[in-house]
Amino acid sequence: MTAREQLIQEIEQVSDSLVEEVLDFLLFIKGRQDQKNSTSDGEKSQPSEQSILERMGGIPQHLLCVGNLSDRDVRRAVIASRIQQSHQQKS
């Protein structure tokens, strides 16, 4: 069994919340790998790289007043908010 097959098998057996965390991690690693591959040998990565929240338009105002949220909680709330907005626009 290949590592890919084993990973798929394990993913099928865990909760959706764990799958979301694994996906977040995989996308992070993939982005880091892509950045390394796209950077030439003499160049260094730009420190002004935008965060996920910045690329999504920043933190919505209604979440700025909510305390004690971790970055992951904020990202999930932002993503849920964007999904709701897109569904409302389609209706």
PDB file of N, CA and C in Angstrom:
ATOM      1  N   MET A   1       0.848  -1.177   0.000  1.00  0.00           N
ATOM      2  CA  MET A   1       0.000   0.000   0.000  1.00  0.00           C
ATOM      3  C   MET A   1       0.896   1.244   0.000  1.00  0.00           C
ATOM      4  N   THR A   2       0.599   2.162  -0.900  1.00  0.00           N
ATOM      5  CA  THR A   2       1.395   3.381  -0.973  1.00  0.00           C
ATOM      6  C   THR A   2       1.007   4.331   0.158  1.00  0.00           C
ATOM      7  N   ALA A   3       1.854   5.317   0.384  1.00  0.00           N
ATOM      8  CA  ALA A   3       1.572   6.314   1.415  1.00  0.00           C
ATOM      9  C   ALA A   3       0.282   7.065   1.081  1.00  0.00           C
ATOM     10  N   ARG A   4       0.059   7.366  -0.190  1.00  0.00           N
ATOM     11  CA  ARG A   4      -1.165   8.065  -0.619  1.00  0.00           C
ATOM     12  C   ARG A   4      -2.400   7.227  -0.282  1.00  0.00           C
ATOM     13  N   GLU A   5      -2.354   5.945  -0.601  1.00  0.00           N
ATOM     14  CA  GLU A   5      -3.480   5.053  -0.314  1.00  0.00           C
ATOM     15  C   GLU A   5      -3.725   4.935   1.189  1.00  0.00           C
ATOM     16  N   GLN A   6      -2.651   4.848   1.953  1.00  0.00           N
ATOM     17  CA  GLN A   6      -2.783   4.748   3.399  1.00  0.00           C
ATOM     18  C   GLN A   6      -3.383   6.033   3.977  1.00  0.00           C
ATOM     19  N   LEU A   7      -2.949   7.189   3.467  1.00  0.00           N
ATOM     20  CA  LEU A   7      -3.486   8.462   3.921  1.00  0.00           C
ATOM     21  C   LEU A   7      -4.975   8.556   3.614  1.00  0.00           C
ATOM     22  N   ILE A   8      -5.367   8.190   2.417  1.00  0.00           N
ATOM     23  CA  ILE A   8      -6.778   8.223   2.036  1.00  0.00           C
ATOM     24  C   ILE A   8      -7.592   7.301   2.937  1.00  0.00           C
ATOM     25  N   GLN A   9      -7.061   6.130   3.224  1.00  0.00           N
ATOM     26  CA  GLN A   9      -7.746   5.176   4.090  1.00  0.00           C
ATOM     27  C   GLN A   9      -7.919   5.748   5.499  1.00  0.00           C
ATOM     28  N   GLU A  10      -6.895   6.386   6.026  1.00  0.00           N
ATOM     29  CA  GLU A  10      -6.977   6.977   7.357  1.00  0.00           C
ATOM     30  C   GLU A  10      -7.967   8.142   7.381  1.00  0.00           C
ATOM     31  N   ILE A  11      -7.957   8.968   6.337  1.00  0.00           N
ATOM     32  CA  ILE A  11      -8.865  10.114   6.267  1.00  0.00           C
ATOM     33  C   ILE A  11     -10.317   9.660   6.274  1.00  0.00           C
ATOM     34  N   GLU A  12     -10.587   8.564   5.607  1.00  0.00           N
ATOM     35  CA  GLU A  12     -11.962   8.048   5.544  1.00  0.00           C
ATOM     36  C   GLU A  12     -12.471   7.580   6.906  1.00  0.00           C
ATOM     37  N   GLN A  13     -11.576   7.380   7.867  1.00  0.00           N
ATOM     38  CA  GLN A  13     -11.969   6.825   9.153  1.00  0.00           C
ATOM     39  C   GLN A  13     -12.037   7.847  10.287  1.00  0.00           C
ATOM     40  N   VAL A  14     -11.711   9.121  10.019  1.00  0.00           N
ATOM     41  CA  VAL A  14     -11.685  10.114  11.091  1.00  0.00           C
ATOM     42  C   VAL A  14     -12.812  11.126  10.925  1.00  0.00           C
ATOM     43  N   SER A  15     -13.008  11.929  11.961  1.00  0.00           N
ATOM     44  CA  SER A  15     -14.081  12.924  11.955  1.00  0.00           C
ATOM     45  C   SER A  15     -13.793  14.047  10.964  1.00  0.00           C
ATOM     46  N   ASP A  16     -14.860  14.774  10.587  1.00  0.00           N
ATOM     47  CA  ASP A  16     -14.710  15.887   9.653  1.00  0.00           C
ATOM     48  C   ASP A  16     -13.828  16.987  10.216  1.00  0.00           C
ATOM     49  N   SER A  17     -13.898  17.210  11.525  1.00  0.00           N
ATOM     50  CA  SER A  17     -13.073  18.266  12.116  1.00  0.00           C
ATOM     51  C   SER A  17     -11.584  17.931  12.000  1.00  0.00           C
ATOM     52  N   LEU A  18     -11.242  16.666  12.153  1.00  0.00           N
ATOM     53  CA  LEU A  18      -9.845  16.266  11.992  1.00  0.00           C
ATOM     54  C   LEU A  18      -9.424  16.359  10.530  1.00  0.00           C
ATOM     55  N   VAL A  19     -10.313  16.027   9.623  1.00  0.00           N
ATOM     56  CA  VAL A  19     -10.019  16.153   8.197  1.00  0.00           C
ATOM     57  C   VAL A  19      -9.747  17.622   7.861  1.00  0.00           C
ATOM     58  N   GLU A  20     -10.520  18.556   8.440  1.00  0.00           N
ATOM     59  CA  GLU A  20     -10.304  19.982   8.203  1.00  0.00           C
ATOM     60  C   GLU A  20      -8.915  20.408   8.678  1.00  0.00           C
ATOM     61  N   GLU A  21      -8.496  19.913   9.844  1.00  0.00           N
ATOM     62  CA  GLU A  21      -7.166  20.252  10.352  1.00  0.00           C
ATOM     63  C   GLU A  21      -6.069  19.684   9.459  1.00  0.00           C
ATOM     64  N   VAL A  22      -6.256  18.456   9.001  1.00  0.00           N
ATOM     65  CA  VAL A  22      -5.274  17.838   8.107  1.00  0.00           C
ATOM     66  C   VAL A  22      -5.204  18.620   6.795  1.00  0.00           C
ATOM     67  N   LEU A  23      -6.363  19.038   6.284  1.00  0.00           N
ATOM     68  CA  LEU A  23      -6.389  19.821   5.046  1.00  0.00           C
ATOM     69  C   LEU A  23      -5.673  21.156   5.240  1.00  0.00           C
ATOM     70  N   ASP A  24      -5.939  21.849   6.364  1.00  0.00           N
ATOM     71  CA  ASP A  24      -5.236  23.103   6.656  1.00  0.00           C
ATOM     72  C   ASP A  24      -3.722  22.889   6.643  1.00  0.00           C
ATOM     73  N   PHE A  25      -3.279  21.827   7.292  1.00  0.00           N
ATOM     74  CA  PHE A  25      -1.854  21.533   7.367  1.00  0.00           C
ATOM     75  C   PHE A  25      -1.289  21.203   5.994  1.00  0.00           C
ATOM     76  N   LEU A  26      -2.010  20.391   5.235  1.00  0.00           N
ATOM     77  CA  LEU A  26      -1.548  20.008   3.907  1.00  0.00           C
ATOM     78  C   LEU A  26      -1.427  21.230   2.995  1.00  0.00           C
ATOM     79  N   LEU A  27      -2.411  22.115   3.033  1.00  0.00           N
ATOM     80  CA  LEU A  27      -2.357  23.323   2.209  1.00  0.00           C
ATOM     81  C   LEU A  27      -1.206  24.230   2.633  1.00  0.00           C
ATOM     82  N   PHE A  28      -0.934  24.289   3.932  1.00  0.00           N
ATOM     83  CA  PHE A  28       0.192  25.076   4.429  1.00  0.00           C
ATOM     84  C   PHE A  28       1.506  24.521   3.889  1.00  0.00           C
ATOM     85  N   ILE A  29       1.690  23.217   4.014  1.00  0.00           N
ATOM     86  CA  ILE A  29       2.923  22.573   3.540  1.00  0.00           C
ATOM     87  C   ILE A  29       3.043  22.719   2.021  1.00  0.00           C
ATOM     88  N   LYS A  30       1.943  22.530   1.315  1.00  0.00           N
ATOM     89  CA  LYS A  30       1.952  22.659  -0.144  1.00  0.00           C
ATOM     90  C   LYS A  30       2.330  24.082  -0.553  1.00  0.00           C
ATOM     91  N   GLY A  31       1.778  25.076   0.121  1.00  0.00           N
ATOM     92  CA  GLY A  31       2.113  26.465  -0.174  1.00  0.00           C
ATOM     93  C   GLY A  31       3.574  26.757   0.089  1.00  0.00           C
ATOM     94  N   ARG A  32       4.089  26.240   1.184  1.00  0.00           N
ATOM     95  CA  ARG A  32       5.498  26.440   1.510  1.00  0.00           C
ATOM     96  C   ARG A  32       6.399  25.779   0.463  1.00  0.00           C
ATOM     97  N   GLN A  33       6.010  24.586   0.017  1.00  0.00           N
ATOM     98  CA  GLN A  33       6.781  23.881  -1.011  1.00  0.00           C
ATOM     99  C   GLN A  33       6.727  24.650  -2.330  1.00  0.00           C
ATOM    100  N   ASP A  34       5.536  25.132  -2.702  1.00  0.00           N
ATOM    101  CA  ASP A  34       5.389  25.907  -3.937  1.00  0.00           C
ATOM    102  C   ASP A  34       6.244  27.160  -3.880  1.00  0.00           C
ATOM    103  N   GLN A  35       6.277  27.806  -2.707  1.00  0.00           N
ATOM    104  CA  GLN A  35       7.071  29.023  -2.550  1.00  0.00           C
ATOM    105  C   GLN A  35       8.556  28.714  -2.711  1.00  0.00           C
ATOM    106  N   LYS A  36       9.013  27.611  -2.137  1.00  0.00           N
ATOM    107  CA  LYS A  36      10.411  27.225  -2.273  1.00  0.00           C
ATOM    108  C   LYS A  36      10.752  26.927  -3.732  1.00  0.00           C
ATOM    109  N   ASN A  37       9.834  26.243  -4.427  1.00  0.00           N
ATOM    110  CA  ASN A  37      10.081  25.884  -5.820  1.00  0.00           C
ATOM    111  C   ASN A  37      10.075  27.104  -6.738  1.00  0.00           C
ATOM    112  N   SER A  38       9.256  28.108  -6.407  1.00  0.00           N
ATOM    113  CA  SER A  38       9.156  29.272  -7.280  1.00  0.00           C
ATOM    114  C   SER A  38      10.249  30.300  -7.007  1.00  0.00           C
ATOM    115  N   THR A  39      10.918  30.191  -5.865  1.00  0.00           N
ATOM    116  CA  THR A  39      11.985  31.128  -5.532  1.00  0.00           C
ATOM    117  C   THR A  39      13.281  30.652  -6.173  1.00  0.00           C
ATOM    118  N   SER A  40      13.940  31.547  -6.887  1.00  0.00           N
ATOM    119  CA  SER A  40      15.215  31.152  -7.496  1.00  0.00           C
ATOM    120  C   SER A  40      16.278  31.015  -6.413  1.00  0.00           C
ATOM    121  N   ASP A  41      17.402  30.433  -6.738  1.00  0.00           N
ATOM    122  CA  ASP A  41      18.439  30.137  -5.751  1.00  0.00           C
ATOM    123  C   ASP A  41      18.955  31.381  -5.045  1.00  0.00           C
ATOM    124  N   GLY A  42      19.087  32.500  -5.760  1.00  0.00           N
ATOM    125  CA  GLY A  42      19.651  33.705  -5.165  1.00  0.00           C
ATOM    126  C   GLY A  42      18.652  34.579  -4.436  1.00  0.00           C
ATOM    127  N   GLU A  43      17.361  34.341  -4.610  1.00  0.00           N
ATOM    128  CA  GLU A  43      16.340  35.191  -4.001  1.00  0.00           C
ATOM    129  C   GLU A  43      15.892  34.618  -2.670  1.00  0.00           C
ATOM    130  N   LYS A  44      15.456  35.508  -1.798  1.00  0.00           N
ATOM    131  CA  LYS A  44      14.864  35.090  -0.537  1.00  0.00           C
ATOM    132  C   LYS A  44      13.393  35.404  -0.597  1.00  0.00           C
ATOM    133  N   SER A  45      12.577  34.666   0.171  1.00  0.00           N
ATOM    134  CA  SER A  45      11.137  34.893   0.146  1.00  0.00           C
ATOM    135  C   SER A  45      10.810  36.265   0.710  1.00  0.00           C
ATOM    136  N   GLN A  46       9.742  36.843   0.207  1.00  0.00           N
ATOM    137  CA  GLN A  46       9.326  38.175   0.613  1.00  0.00           C
ATOM    138  C   GLN A  46       8.632  38.110   1.969  1.00  0.00           C
ATOM    139  N   PRO A  47       9.049  38.936   2.942  1.00  0.00           N
ATOM    140  CA  PRO A  47       8.397  38.922   4.247  1.00  0.00           C
ATOM    141  C   PRO A  47       7.000  39.529   4.199  1.00  0.00           C
ATOM    142  N   SER A  48       6.649  40.205   3.098  1.00  0.00           N
ATOM    143  CA  SER A  48       5.347  40.839   2.998  1.00  0.00           C
ATOM    144  C   SER A  48       4.270  39.875   2.491  1.00  0.00           C
ATOM    145  N   GLU A  49       4.535  38.593   2.515  1.00  0.00           N
ATOM    146  CA  GLU A  49       3.569  37.588   2.090  1.00  0.00           C
ATOM    147  C   GLU A  49       2.276  37.751   2.889  1.00  0.00           C
ATOM    148  N   GLN A  50       1.145  37.767   2.191  1.00  0.00           N
ATOM    149  CA  GLN A  50      -0.140  37.963   2.856  1.00  0.00           C
ATOM    150  C   GLN A  50      -0.567  36.691   3.578  1.00  0.00           C
ATOM    151  N   SER A  51      -1.211  36.879   4.707  1.00  0.00           N
ATOM    152  CA  SER A  51      -1.751  35.738   5.432  1.00  0.00           C
ATOM    153  C   SER A  51      -3.045  35.287   4.759  1.00  0.00           C
ATOM    154  N   ILE A  52      -3.543  34.139   5.167  1.00  0.00           N
ATOM    155  CA  ILE A  52      -4.789  33.622   4.621  1.00  0.00           C
ATOM    156  C   ILE A  52      -5.919  34.612   4.851  1.00  0.00           C
ATOM    157  N   LEU A  53      -5.989  35.159   6.057  1.00  0.00           N
ATOM    158  CA  LEU A  53      -7.054  36.112   6.369  1.00  0.00           C
ATOM    159  C   LEU A  53      -6.940  37.367   5.521  1.00  0.00           C
ATOM    160  N   GLU A  54      -5.738  37.843   5.271  1.00  0.00           N
ATOM    161  CA  GLU A  54      -5.550  39.025   4.434  1.00  0.00           C
ATOM    162  C   GLU A  54      -5.987  38.747   3.001  1.00  0.00           C
ATOM    163  N   ARG A  55      -5.661  37.557   2.496  1.00  0.00           N
ATOM    164  CA  ARG A  55      -6.066  37.205   1.138  1.00  0.00           C
ATOM    165  C   ARG A  55      -7.576  37.067   1.021  1.00  0.00           C
ATOM    166  N   MET A  56      -8.242  36.740   2.126  1.00  0.00           N
ATOM    167  CA  MET A  56      -9.695  36.599   2.119  1.00  0.00           C
ATOM    168  C   MET A  56     -10.403  37.921   2.391  1.00  0.00           C
ATOM    169  N   GLY A  57      -9.655  39.005   2.499  1.00  0.00           N
ATOM    170  CA  GLY A  57     -10.278  40.306   2.708  1.00  0.00           C
ATOM    171  C   GLY A  57     -10.218  40.795   4.141  1.00  0.00           C
ATOM    172  N   GLY A  58      -9.435  40.147   4.971  1.00  0.00           N
ATOM    173  CA  GLY A  58      -9.296  40.573   6.355  1.00  0.00           C
ATOM    174  C   GLY A  58     -10.372  39.980   7.254  1.00  0.00           C
ATOM    175  N   ILE A  59     -10.274  40.317   8.515  1.00  0.00           N
ATOM    176  CA  ILE A  59     -11.238  39.823   9.502  1.00  0.00           C
ATOM    177  C   ILE A  59     -12.480  40.696   9.441  1.00  0.00           C
ATOM    178  N   PRO A  60     -13.669  40.093   9.278  1.00  0.00           N
ATOM    179  CA  PRO A  60     -14.892  40.884   9.261  1.00  0.00           C
ATOM    180  C   PRO A  60     -15.069  41.660  10.564  1.00  0.00           C
ATOM    181  N   GLN A  61     -15.666  42.836  10.465  1.00  0.00           N
ATOM    182  CA  GLN A  61     -15.822  43.716  11.622  1.00  0.00           C
ATOM    183  C   GLN A  61     -16.559  43.035  12.773  1.00  0.00           C
ATOM    184  N   HIS A  62     -17.566  42.224  12.476  1.00  0.00           N
ATOM    185  CA  HIS A  62     -18.331  41.604  13.556  1.00  0.00           C
ATOM    186  C   HIS A  62     -17.496  40.593  14.350  1.00  0.00           C
ATOM    187  N   LEU A  63     -16.358  40.150  13.804  1.00  0.00           N
ATOM    188  CA  LEU A  63     -15.503  39.217  14.544  1.00  0.00           C
ATOM    189  C   LEU A  63     -14.409  39.934  15.331  1.00  0.00           C
ATOM    190  N   LEU A  64     -14.181  41.211  15.025  1.00  0.00           N
ATOM    191  CA  LEU A  64     -13.132  41.948  15.731  1.00  0.00           C
ATOM    192  C   LEU A  64     -13.472  42.159  17.200  1.00  0.00           C
ATOM    193  N   CYS A  65     -14.758  42.203  17.524  1.00  0.00           N
ATOM    194  CA  CYS A  65     -15.158  42.463  18.905  1.00  0.00           C
ATOM    195  C   CYS A  65     -15.235  41.179  19.734  1.00  0.00           C
ATOM    196  N   VAL A  66     -15.060  40.027  19.112  1.00  0.00           N
ATOM    197  CA  VAL A  66     -15.142  38.755  19.821  1.00  0.00           C
ATOM    198  C   VAL A  66     -13.770  38.419  20.383  1.00  0.00           C
ATOM    199  N   GLY A  67     -13.690  38.224  21.685  1.00  0.00           N
ATOM    200  CA  GLY A  67     -12.406  37.936  22.311  1.00  0.00           C
ATOM    201  C   GLY A  67     -12.107  36.455  22.396  1.00  0.00           C
ATOM    202  N   ASN A  68     -10.852  36.156  22.661  1.00  0.00           N
ATOM    203  CA  ASN A  68     -10.380  34.802  22.943  1.00  0.00           C
ATOM    204  C   ASN A  68     -10.585  33.805  21.801  1.00  0.00           C
ATOM    205  N   LEU A  69     -10.555  34.273  20.567  1.00  0.00           N
ATOM    206  CA  LEU A  69     -10.623  33.353  19.437  1.00  0.00           C
ATOM    207  C   LEU A  69      -9.210  33.031  18.978  1.00  0.00           C
ATOM    208  N   SER A  70      -8.954  31.769  18.738  1.00  0.00           N
ATOM    209  CA  SER A  70      -7.653  31.413  18.168  1.00  0.00           C
ATOM    210  C   SER A  70      -7.658  31.766  16.689  1.00  0.00           C
ATOM    211  N   ASP A  71      -6.494  31.763  16.058  1.00  0.00           N
ATOM    212  CA  ASP A  71      -6.416  32.046  14.629  1.00  0.00           C
ATOM    213  C   ASP A  71      -7.270  31.059  13.840  1.00  0.00           C
ATOM    214  N   ARG A  72      -7.249  29.802  14.248  1.00  0.00           N
ATOM    215  CA  ARG A  72      -8.025  28.786  13.537  1.00  0.00           C
ATOM    216  C   ARG A  72      -9.517  29.073  13.661  1.00  0.00           C
ATOM    217  N   ASP A  73      -9.973  29.473  14.856  1.00  0.00           N
ATOM    218  CA  ASP A  73     -11.382  29.805  15.046  1.00  0.00           C
ATOM    219  C   ASP A  73     -11.784  30.994  14.184  1.00  0.00           C
ATOM    220  N   VAL A  74     -10.906  31.981  14.099  1.00  0.00           N
ATOM    221  CA  VAL A  74     -11.192  33.151  13.271  1.00  0.00           C
ATOM    222  C   VAL A  74     -11.262  32.739  11.807  1.00  0.00           C
ATOM    223  N   ARG A  75     -10.304  31.930  11.350  1.00  0.00           N
ATOM    224  CA  ARG A  75     -10.315  31.478   9.954  1.00  0.00           C
ATOM    225  C   ARG A  75     -11.590  30.718   9.632  1.00  0.00           C
ATOM    226  N   ARG A  76     -11.993  29.829  10.542  1.00  0.00           N
ATOM    227  CA  ARG A  76     -13.222  29.060  10.318  1.00  0.00           C
ATOM    228  C   ARG A  76     -14.438  29.983  10.256  1.00  0.00           C
ATOM    229  N   ALA A  77     -14.491  30.956  11.153  1.00  0.00           N
ATOM    230  CA  ALA A  77     -15.611  31.891  11.157  1.00  0.00           C
ATOM    231  C   ALA A  77     -15.630  32.716   9.879  1.00  0.00           C
ATOM    232  N   VAL A  78     -14.471  33.146   9.422  1.00  0.00           N
ATOM    233  CA  VAL A  78     -14.392  33.933   8.190  1.00  0.00           C
ATOM    234  C   VAL A  78     -14.834  33.082   7.004  1.00  0.00           C
ATOM    235  N   ILE A  79     -14.353  31.865   6.937  1.00  0.00           N
ATOM    236  CA  ILE A  79     -14.715  30.977   5.829  1.00  0.00           C
ATOM    237  C   ILE A  79     -16.222  30.709   5.846  1.00  0.00           C
ATOM    238  N   ALA A  80     -16.770  30.430   7.022  1.00  0.00           N
ATOM    239  CA  ALA A  80     -18.216  30.193   7.130  1.00  0.00           C
ATOM    240  C   ALA A  80     -18.994  31.426   6.692  1.00  0.00           C
ATOM    241  N   SER A  81     -18.527  32.595   7.098  1.00  0.00           N
ATOM    242  CA  SER A  81     -19.181  33.846   6.723  1.00  0.00           C
ATOM    243  C   SER A  81     -19.150  34.039   5.217  1.00  0.00           C
ATOM    244  N   ARG A  82     -17.997  33.765   4.584  1.00  0.00           N
ATOM    245  CA  ARG A  82     -17.871  33.915   3.131  1.00  0.00           C
ATOM    246  C   ARG A  82     -18.760  32.905   2.394  1.00  0.00           C
ATOM    247  N   ILE A  83     -18.860  31.701   2.917  1.00  0.00           N
ATOM    248  CA  ILE A  83     -19.712  30.686   2.295  1.00  0.00           C
ATOM    249  C   ILE A  83     -21.169  31.117   2.381  1.00  0.00           C
ATOM    250  N   GLN A  84     -21.592  31.609   3.551  1.00  0.00           N
ATOM    251  CA  GLN A  84     -22.960  32.085   3.704  1.00  0.00           C
ATOM    252  C   GLN A  84     -23.248  33.227   2.743  1.00  0.00           C
ATOM    253  N   GLN A  85     -22.305  34.151   2.598  1.00  0.00           N
ATOM    254  CA  GLN A  85     -22.493  35.271   1.681  1.00  0.00           C
ATOM    255  C   GLN A  85     -22.646  34.786   0.249  1.00  0.00           C
ATOM    256  N   SER A  86     -21.818  33.829  -0.155  1.00  0.00           N
ATOM    257  CA  SER A  86     -21.891  33.352  -1.529  1.00  0.00           C
ATOM    258  C   SER A  86     -23.199  32.614  -1.787  1.00  0.00           C
ATOM    259  N   HIS A  87     -23.704  31.868  -0.779  1.00  0.00           N
ATOM    260  CA  HIS A  87     -24.983  31.179  -0.942  1.00  0.00           C
ATOM    261  C   HIS A  87     -26.142  32.161  -1.008  1.00  0.00           C
ATOM    262  N   GLN A  88     -26.054  33.236  -0.234  1.00  0.00           N
ATOM    263  CA  GLN A  88     -27.098  34.254  -0.257  1.00  0.00           C
ATOM    264  C   GLN A  88     -27.115  34.991  -1.584  1.00  0.00           C
ATOM    265  N   GLN A  89     -25.937  35.207  -2.154  1.00  0.00           N
ATOM    266  CA  GLN A  89     -25.849  35.895  -3.438  1.00  0.00           C
ATOM    267  C   GLN A  89     -26.411  35.041  -4.566  1.00  0.00           C
ATOM    268  N   LYS A  90     -26.263  33.730  -4.460  1.00  0.00           N
ATOM    269  CA  LYS A  90     -26.772  32.828  -5.488  1.00  0.00           C
ATOM    270  C   LYS A  90     -28.295  32.732  -5.431  1.00  0.00           C
ATOM    271  N   SER A  91     -28.860  32.936  -4.239  1.00  0.00           N
ATOM    272  CA  SER A  91     -30.318  32.805  -4.079  1.00  0.00           C
ATOM    273  C   SER A  91     -31.067  33.964  -4.667  1.00  0.00           C
TER     274      SER A  91
END
